[in-house]
Protein backbone atom coordinates (compact mmCIF):
# COMPACT_ATOMS: atom_id res chain seq x y z
CA MET A 1 -11.00 72.41 -47.20
CA ILE A 2 -9.37 69.36 -45.52
CA TYR A 3 -12.09 67.32 -44.16
CA LEU A 4 -11.20 65.33 -41.01
CA ASP A 5 -14.56 64.45 -39.48
CA THR A 6 -15.79 61.33 -41.28
CA ALA A 7 -16.85 59.67 -38.08
CA ALA A 8 -19.59 62.39 -38.10
CA SER A 9 -20.51 61.93 -41.71
CA TYR A 10 -18.44 60.41 -44.61
CA PRO A 11 -18.47 62.36 -47.73
CA ILE A 12 -20.88 60.85 -50.16
CA LEU A 13 -19.13 58.56 -52.86
CA PRO A 14 -19.34 59.82 -56.36
CA GLU A 15 -20.95 56.39 -57.59
CA VAL A 16 -23.52 56.81 -54.84
CA LYS A 17 -24.46 60.28 -55.92
CA LYS A 18 -24.82 59.02 -59.48
CA SER A 19 -27.01 56.03 -58.29
CA LEU A 20 -29.23 58.55 -56.30
CA LEU A 21 -29.65 60.89 -59.23
CA ASP A 22 -30.71 57.94 -61.39
CA ALA A 23 -33.01 56.49 -58.77
CA PHE A 24 -34.76 59.82 -58.20
CA GLU A 25 -35.40 60.11 -61.87
CA ASN A 26 -36.35 56.54 -62.71
CA CYS A 27 -37.37 54.87 -59.45
CA TYR A 28 -40.17 57.36 -58.21
CA ALA A 29 -42.88 54.82 -58.02
CA ASN A 30 -44.09 53.65 -54.58
CA SER A 31 -42.62 50.28 -53.92
CA ALA A 32 -45.89 49.18 -52.48
CA SER A 33 -47.86 49.71 -55.65
CA SER A 34 -48.87 46.71 -57.77
CA HIS A 35 -48.10 48.11 -61.23
CA LEU A 36 -44.72 47.54 -63.05
CA LEU A 37 -42.94 50.65 -61.91
CA GLY A 38 -43.87 49.90 -58.23
CA GLU A 39 -42.85 46.18 -58.62
CA SER A 40 -39.55 47.45 -60.17
CA ALA A 41 -38.88 49.72 -57.12
CA LEU A 42 -39.72 46.98 -54.72
CA THR A 43 -37.24 44.53 -56.54
CA LYS A 44 -34.53 47.15 -56.19
CA VAL A 45 -35.27 47.78 -52.49
CA ASN A 46 -35.24 44.05 -51.80
CA LYS A 47 -31.84 43.64 -53.55
CA VAL A 48 -30.37 46.06 -51.15
CA ARG A 49 -32.00 44.28 -48.27
CA GLU A 50 -30.29 41.03 -49.43
CA LEU A 51 -26.93 42.83 -49.91
CA LEU A 52 -26.97 44.18 -46.35
CA ALA A 53 -28.16 40.87 -44.90
CA ASP A 54 -25.19 39.17 -46.79
CA GLU A 55 -22.74 41.61 -45.39
CA ILE A 56 -23.66 40.66 -41.78
CA GLY A 57 -24.49 37.01 -42.16
CA ALA A 58 -28.29 37.51 -41.77
CA PHE A 59 -31.56 36.75 -43.67
CA PRO A 60 -33.03 39.50 -45.73
CA SER A 61 -36.37 39.05 -43.79
CA GLU A 62 -34.53 40.19 -40.69
CA ILE A 63 -33.56 43.67 -42.16
CA VAL A 64 -35.85 46.69 -41.70
CA PHE A 65 -35.05 50.00 -43.29
CA THR A 66 -35.16 53.26 -41.11
CA SER A 67 -34.11 56.82 -41.36
CA GLY A 68 -30.82 56.14 -39.68
CA ALA A 69 -29.08 54.51 -36.67
CA THR A 70 -30.95 56.81 -34.21
CA GLU A 71 -34.40 55.39 -35.35
CA SER A 72 -32.79 52.01 -35.51
CA ASN A 73 -31.70 52.17 -31.92
CA ASN A 74 -35.16 53.34 -30.88
CA VAL A 75 -36.68 50.30 -32.76
CA ALA A 76 -34.20 48.09 -30.91
CA PHE A 77 -35.27 49.21 -27.41
CA LYS A 78 -38.96 50.00 -27.89
CA SER A 79 -40.09 47.35 -30.34
CA LEU A 80 -38.55 44.50 -28.31
CA LEU A 81 -39.13 45.60 -24.77
CA LEU A 82 -42.62 47.18 -25.03
CA ASN A 83 -44.56 44.40 -26.59
CA ASP A 84 -42.95 41.07 -25.18
CA GLU A 85 -45.03 39.57 -22.29
CA SER A 86 -42.10 37.33 -21.44
CA LEU A 87 -40.10 40.39 -20.56
CA SER A 88 -42.74 42.13 -18.52
CA HIS A 89 -41.08 41.38 -15.26
CA LYS A 90 -37.70 42.40 -16.40
CA LYS A 91 -37.05 46.07 -15.96
CA HIS A 92 -33.23 46.49 -16.06
CA ILE A 93 -31.11 47.59 -19.03
CA VAL A 94 -27.30 47.57 -19.34
CA ILE A 95 -25.52 50.15 -21.61
CA SER A 96 -21.96 51.53 -21.51
CA SER A 97 -20.97 54.91 -20.35
CA ILE A 98 -19.67 55.74 -23.84
CA GLU A 99 -22.67 55.00 -26.10
CA HIS A 100 -24.01 57.41 -28.59
CA LYS A 101 -26.11 60.02 -26.96
CA CYS A 102 -29.40 58.81 -28.55
CA ILE A 103 -29.04 55.60 -26.37
CA PHE A 104 -28.92 57.82 -23.26
CA ALA A 105 -32.02 59.66 -24.38
CA ILE A 106 -33.90 56.31 -25.02
CA CYS A 107 -32.79 55.12 -21.64
CA ASP A 108 -34.16 58.24 -19.97
CA TYR A 109 -37.45 57.53 -21.62
CA PHE A 110 -37.40 53.91 -20.17
CA GLN A 111 -36.46 55.20 -16.73
CA LYS A 112 -39.80 57.07 -16.76
CA LEU A 113 -41.51 53.72 -17.55
CA GLY A 114 -39.94 52.25 -14.29
CA TYR A 115 -36.80 50.64 -15.84
CA GLU A 116 -33.37 50.76 -14.04
CA ILE A 117 -30.32 51.57 -16.03
CA SER A 118 -26.90 50.35 -15.32
CA LEU A 119 -23.79 51.93 -16.91
CA VAL A 120 -20.70 50.06 -17.69
CA GLU A 121 -17.48 52.01 -17.59
CA PRO A 122 -14.68 51.31 -20.14
CA ASP A 123 -11.36 50.10 -19.03
CA VAL A 124 -8.17 52.37 -19.30
CA ASN A 125 -7.95 51.53 -23.04
CA GLY A 126 -11.48 52.80 -23.79
CA VAL A 127 -12.85 49.25 -24.22
CA ILE A 128 -16.03 47.83 -22.69
CA THR A 129 -14.85 44.45 -21.26
CA VAL A 130 -17.00 41.33 -21.02
CA GLU A 131 -16.02 41.13 -17.31
CA ASN A 132 -17.49 44.57 -16.64
CA VAL A 133 -20.71 43.69 -18.52
CA LYS A 134 -20.98 40.53 -16.54
CA ALA A 135 -20.76 42.50 -13.37
CA ALA A 136 -23.64 44.74 -14.38
CA ILE A 137 -26.03 42.01 -15.31
CA ARG A 138 -28.83 41.11 -12.90
CA GLU A 139 -31.60 38.48 -12.86
CA ASP A 140 -34.05 41.01 -14.12
CA THR A 141 -31.72 42.31 -17.02
CA ALA A 142 -33.87 42.48 -20.16
CA LEU A 143 -31.48 44.05 -22.64
CA VAL A 144 -27.77 44.76 -23.05
CA SER A 145 -26.60 47.47 -25.52
CA ILE A 146 -22.85 47.89 -26.29
CA MET A 147 -21.78 49.67 -29.37
CA HIS A 148 -19.38 47.97 -31.67
CA VAL A 149 -17.00 50.86 -32.28
CA ASN A 150 -16.96 54.05 -30.20
CA ASN A 151 -17.47 57.05 -32.33
CA GLU A 152 -15.01 59.31 -30.58
CA LEU A 153 -12.11 56.88 -29.77
CA GLY A 154 -12.44 54.26 -32.55
CA THR A 155 -12.00 51.44 -30.08
CA ILE A 156 -13.47 48.05 -31.04
CA ASN A 157 -15.53 46.43 -28.29
CA PRO A 158 -15.40 42.67 -27.84
CA ILE A 159 -19.00 42.24 -28.78
CA ALA A 160 -18.67 38.56 -29.79
CA GLU A 161 -17.72 37.67 -26.24
CA ILE A 162 -20.34 40.04 -24.70
CA GLY A 163 -22.92 38.53 -27.19
CA GLU A 164 -21.90 34.93 -26.10
CA HIS A 165 -22.49 35.77 -22.43
CA CYS A 166 -25.83 37.47 -23.10
CA PHE A 167 -26.98 34.43 -25.02
CA SER A 168 -26.07 32.19 -22.22
CA LYS A 169 -28.25 34.24 -19.92
CA GLY A 170 -31.17 34.51 -22.34
CA ILE A 171 -30.67 38.42 -22.52
CA ILE A 172 -31.47 40.32 -25.73
CA PHE A 173 -28.13 41.82 -26.98
CA HIS A 174 -28.16 44.92 -29.17
CA SER A 175 -25.18 46.59 -30.72
CA ASP A 176 -25.04 49.98 -32.54
CA ALA A 177 -22.75 49.35 -35.62
CA ALA A 178 -23.16 52.76 -37.27
CA GLN A 179 -19.34 53.20 -36.94
CA SER A 180 -18.24 49.67 -37.78
CA PHE A 181 -20.40 48.62 -40.57
CA CYS A 182 -18.41 47.86 -43.78
CA LYS A 183 -15.12 48.85 -42.00
CA THR A 184 -14.62 45.70 -39.87
CA GLU A 185 -16.06 42.07 -40.03
CA ILE A 186 -19.52 41.54 -38.71
CA ASP A 187 -21.33 38.14 -38.37
CA VAL A 188 -24.48 38.34 -36.41
CA ASP A 189 -24.50 34.65 -35.64
CA ASP A 190 -20.85 34.37 -34.63
CA MET A 191 -21.30 37.43 -32.46
CA ASN A 192 -24.71 36.35 -30.95
CA ILE A 193 -26.22 39.65 -31.92
CA ASP A 194 -30.05 39.80 -31.62
CA VAL A 195 -30.43 43.46 -32.72
CA MET A 196 -27.95 45.75 -34.63
CA SER A 197 -28.25 49.31 -35.99
CA PHE A 198 -26.64 50.80 -39.20
CA SER A 199 -26.45 54.12 -40.88
CA ALA A 200 -25.72 54.85 -44.52
CA HIS A 201 -23.95 58.24 -44.17
CA LYS A 202 -21.23 56.66 -42.21
CA VAL A 203 -20.12 54.68 -45.22
CA GLY A 204 -20.26 57.25 -47.98
CA GLY A 205 -24.05 56.88 -48.53
CA PRO A 206 -26.97 59.38 -48.32
CA LYS A 207 -28.19 60.91 -45.00
CA GLY A 208 -31.70 59.96 -43.96
CA ILE A 209 -31.59 56.23 -44.43
CA GLY A 210 -30.34 53.34 -42.13
CA ALA A 211 -31.41 49.97 -41.13
CA VAL A 212 -32.05 47.69 -38.23
CA TYR A 213 -31.32 43.92 -38.07
CA ILE A 214 -33.67 41.98 -35.84
CA ARG A 215 -33.22 38.19 -35.38
CA ASP A 216 -36.22 36.03 -36.15
CA LEU A 217 -38.10 39.26 -37.08
CA ARG A 218 -41.12 37.53 -38.37
CA LYS A 219 -41.45 35.21 -35.38
CA ARG A 220 -41.54 38.11 -32.94
CA SER A 221 -44.43 40.10 -31.71
CA LEU A 222 -42.98 43.70 -32.03
CA GLN A 223 -44.40 47.07 -31.15
CA PRO A 224 -44.23 49.43 -34.12
CA VAL A 225 -42.25 52.61 -33.46
CA ILE A 226 -43.90 54.33 -36.48
CA HIS A 227 -47.46 53.14 -37.02
CA GLY A 228 -48.44 53.16 -40.69
CA ALA A 229 -49.80 51.09 -43.46
CA GLY A 230 -47.84 47.90 -42.79
CA GLN A 231 -44.54 48.75 -44.55
CA GLU A 232 -41.37 46.91 -43.34
CA ASP A 233 -43.37 44.06 -41.89
CA GLY A 234 -45.51 46.57 -40.02
CA LEU A 235 -42.66 47.80 -37.79
CA ARG A 236 -41.92 51.03 -39.63
CA GLY A 237 -44.85 52.73 -41.36
CA GLY A 238 -44.40 55.23 -44.17
CA THR A 239 -43.68 55.01 -47.86
CA VAL A 240 -40.37 53.13 -48.42
CA ALA A 241 -37.60 55.63 -49.43
CA ALA A 242 -36.42 53.51 -52.40
CA PRO A 243 -34.01 56.00 -53.88
CA LEU A 244 -32.15 56.46 -50.64
CA ILE A 245 -32.07 52.72 -50.08
CA ILE A 246 -30.64 52.24 -53.62
CA GLY A 247 -27.90 54.79 -52.62
CA PHE A 248 -27.37 52.90 -49.46
CA GLY A 249 -26.92 49.74 -51.42
CA LYS A 250 -24.23 51.25 -53.69
CA ALA A 251 -22.38 52.52 -50.74
CA ILE A 252 -22.47 48.93 -49.39
CA GLU A 253 -21.13 47.62 -52.57
CA LEU A 254 -18.18 50.11 -52.82
CA PHE A 255 -17.17 51.36 -49.36
CA PRO A 256 -15.20 48.10 -48.34
CA GLN A 257 -13.03 48.64 -51.33
CA VAL A 258 -12.53 52.15 -50.46
CA TYR A 259 -11.76 51.56 -46.82
CA ASN A 260 -9.18 48.75 -47.69
CA TYR A 261 -7.47 51.28 -50.01
CA PHE A 262 -7.33 53.78 -47.00
CA ILE A 263 -5.88 51.01 -44.71
CA SER A 264 -3.36 50.14 -47.25
CA GLU A 265 -2.18 53.90 -47.44
CA ASP A 266 -1.92 54.12 -43.53
CA PRO A 267 -2.17 57.80 -43.11
CA LYS A 268 -2.54 57.53 -39.32
CA SER A 269 1.09 56.21 -39.11
CA TYR A 270 2.34 59.05 -41.31
CA PHE A 271 0.55 61.54 -39.03
CA PHE A 272 2.21 60.14 -35.90
CA LYS A 273 5.54 60.28 -37.63
CA LYS A 274 5.21 63.97 -38.54
CA LEU A 275 3.96 64.74 -34.93
CA GLN A 276 7.21 62.96 -33.56
CA GLU A 277 9.37 64.82 -36.13
CA ASN A 278 8.01 68.10 -35.13
CA GLU A 279 8.36 67.32 -31.29
CA ILE A 280 4.65 68.01 -30.80
CA GLU A 281 3.59 66.56 -27.40
CA HIS A 282 0.44 64.36 -27.69
CA SER A 283 -1.42 61.40 -26.18
CA ILE A 284 -3.85 59.05 -27.81
CA ASN A 285 -7.18 58.33 -26.01
CA GLY A 286 -8.23 54.69 -26.65
CA TYR A 287 -5.57 52.03 -27.13
CA GLY A 288 -5.59 48.42 -28.45
CA SER A 289 -7.90 47.35 -31.26
CA THR A 290 -9.18 50.52 -33.07
CA LEU A 291 -10.40 51.45 -36.45
CA PRO A 292 -7.56 53.06 -38.53
CA HIS A 293 -9.43 56.12 -39.58
CA ILE A 294 -10.57 57.40 -36.10
CA LEU A 295 -8.21 58.96 -33.57
CA SER A 296 -8.74 60.81 -30.34
CA LEU A 297 -5.76 63.10 -29.76
CA SER A 298 -4.93 65.23 -26.80
CA LEU A 299 -2.36 68.19 -27.39
CA PRO A 300 -1.50 69.57 -24.04
CA ASN A 301 0.81 72.31 -25.38
CA THR A 302 -1.54 73.47 -28.24
CA ASN A 303 -3.84 76.55 -28.08
CA VAL A 304 -6.93 74.85 -29.44
CA THR A 305 -8.84 78.15 -29.70
CA LEU A 306 -6.09 79.54 -31.88
CA LEU A 307 -5.75 76.43 -33.95
CA VAL A 308 -9.49 76.40 -34.79
CA ARG A 309 -9.74 80.08 -35.36
CA ASP A 310 -6.84 80.39 -37.65
CA ASN A 311 -7.81 77.37 -39.78
CA GLU A 312 -11.65 77.44 -39.92
CA SER A 313 -11.57 77.85 -43.66
CA SER A 314 -8.91 75.13 -44.12
CA LEU A 315 -9.55 72.36 -41.60
CA CYS A 316 -12.75 70.47 -40.53
CA LEU A 317 -11.91 69.25 -37.13
CA ALA A 318 -14.12 68.00 -34.28
CA GLN A 319 -13.68 68.30 -30.50
CA GLY A 320 -15.48 65.16 -29.39
CA SER A 321 -18.34 63.77 -31.45
CA ALA A 322 -20.40 65.95 -33.61
CA CYS A 323 -23.21 65.58 -31.09
CA SER A 324 -20.97 67.11 -28.27
CA SER A 325 -18.62 69.51 -30.20
CA LYS A 326 -20.62 72.63 -29.63
CA GLU A 327 -21.05 71.98 -25.93
CA ILE A 328 -18.94 73.75 -23.17
CA GLU A 329 -18.56 70.55 -21.13
CA ALA A 330 -16.27 67.70 -21.99
CA SER A 331 -17.97 64.85 -24.01
CA HIS A 332 -19.22 61.94 -21.80
CA VAL A 333 -16.80 59.70 -23.62
CA LEU A 334 -13.68 61.65 -22.51
CA THR A 335 -14.90 61.89 -19.01
CA SER A 336 -15.56 58.23 -18.83
CA LEU A 337 -11.89 57.81 -19.60
CA GLY A 338 -11.06 60.11 -16.76
CA LEU A 339 -10.11 63.28 -18.62
CA LEU A 340 -10.70 66.42 -16.79
CA ARG A 341 -12.46 69.42 -18.60
CA GLU A 342 -9.09 71.21 -19.20
CA GLN A 343 -7.62 67.91 -20.93
CA ALA A 344 -10.84 67.48 -22.86
CA GLU A 345 -10.52 71.08 -24.18
CA HIS A 346 -7.11 70.18 -25.78
CA THR A 347 -8.52 67.05 -27.34
CA PHE A 348 -9.63 66.45 -30.97
CA ARG A 349 -11.18 63.66 -32.73
CA ILE A 350 -9.61 63.32 -36.09
CA SER A 351 -11.36 60.95 -38.59
CA PHE A 352 -9.81 60.65 -42.09
CA THR A 353 -11.28 60.07 -45.47
CA HIS A 354 -9.78 57.75 -47.93
CA GLU A 355 -8.75 60.71 -50.09
CA VAL A 356 -6.51 62.31 -47.46
CA THR A 357 -3.06 63.11 -48.74
CA LYS A 358 0.41 63.49 -47.04
CA GLN A 359 0.11 67.20 -48.14
CA ASP A 360 -3.15 67.37 -46.06
CA ILE A 361 -1.50 65.76 -43.05
CA ASP A 362 1.59 68.13 -43.44
CA PHE A 363 -0.74 71.04 -43.41
CA LEU A 364 -2.47 69.72 -40.23
CA VAL A 365 0.78 69.19 -38.35
CA THR A 366 2.09 72.53 -39.35
CA ALA A 367 -1.16 74.20 -38.15
CA ILE A 368 -0.77 72.38 -34.82
CA LYS A 369 2.86 73.45 -34.39
CA LYS A 370 1.87 77.12 -35.14
CA ALA A 371 -0.67 77.03 -32.38
CA ALA A 372 1.78 75.72 -29.76
CA TYR A 373 2.01 77.74 -26.52
C-alpha cells in the first residue's frame, strides 16, 4: 500500500514505537505520585516539555499537554476568552475561511455566547494575507486565529506579520501549528504568537497527545477546559499520559531529520516531471510558499471514481482533508479558492512520507493516466 495521506496522519516512526513500548512497560506510574517511580515519570514528562519549548523558543512553563490539536484549539479560545475580565467587552473573533473544521465548531459555540465571527478569505494563491486580516479587525476584536500551514493546500501563512499587527493592537493571536510543527521554523517571540496548538501524530508520533503553548501561562487567570485535580497548572485535568508524551518527545527529536531527508530527495518535483512526461493535464491549488510534502492537485481529465475504485488496495489518497473526504460537498478550503463542486470532485490532496520512492510515484502517475477520460 502506497500511503499518500500524511497530512491526515503521519506513520509512526519506528523509534517512536520503540519508545512507546518501553514507556508503557517502565513508565506506568502516575507522574503526580510522590514515590520514586512517580517522580521518574514526572522528570521524563518535563524533559519533553523542555524539548517542545526549545523547538519554538518558549519557556517550559508555557507548555500544556493535551489530547491533540483539537483540544489545544479549544483551550486557546475558551481558556483565554471566558475568564478574562479585561476582554468582557470584546465580543469579536477573526478567523480565516480555510481553518481546520474544529475552529469553525468552536466559533459556532462562541456565536451562541453572543460573539461575532469574521472570516478572512485567502488570496488567489491560497494564502491569508496580513492586509486581509487587518481589514477584518475591529475595535472589539478579542482574538485572531490563523493557521500556520493549511492542511489541504500546504500553503504557509505569514503569521509573523499577522502576529506583529495583532500585537500592535493588543489582540490575542492564536495559530494552529499542527501541520507546520517540526517542518518549518517557529519562534513564538519573533512571530508574536500568544497561543499555538500542536499535535504529535502529524510528526510521526502517537495519536491522542498534543500540546498548547500559552504565553505567560502562569500570570494568566485561565478557565480550565477540563476540570480535574490540578494537573497541567490546573488548566487540563486528568492523569498525565506520560507514555504518550514520551513518544511525542521522541518524535520531536527525530522528525526534523526525517523531514530534511525528504526535502533533499524532492519527490514533488519528480512527480510533476512524470505528470508532464505523460501529458497529464493538471493544476495546483495553492502557490508560493508551501510545505514540500503537501500538494492539492486538480486533474480535470481524470475519472476520479475509477482511479479510486481500481486502486483502493494500492493507493491511500485523500479528496480534501480527512475531515471532509467522505462528504459529498466540496471542502470549505477548495470553495474558498473559488473551485466549483465539479472541479473539487477532480481534486486530490497528496501528502508524501519520507519513505516514498520513485517507483511509488511512477505507480501513481500510471494509475492517473489509466483513469483518463
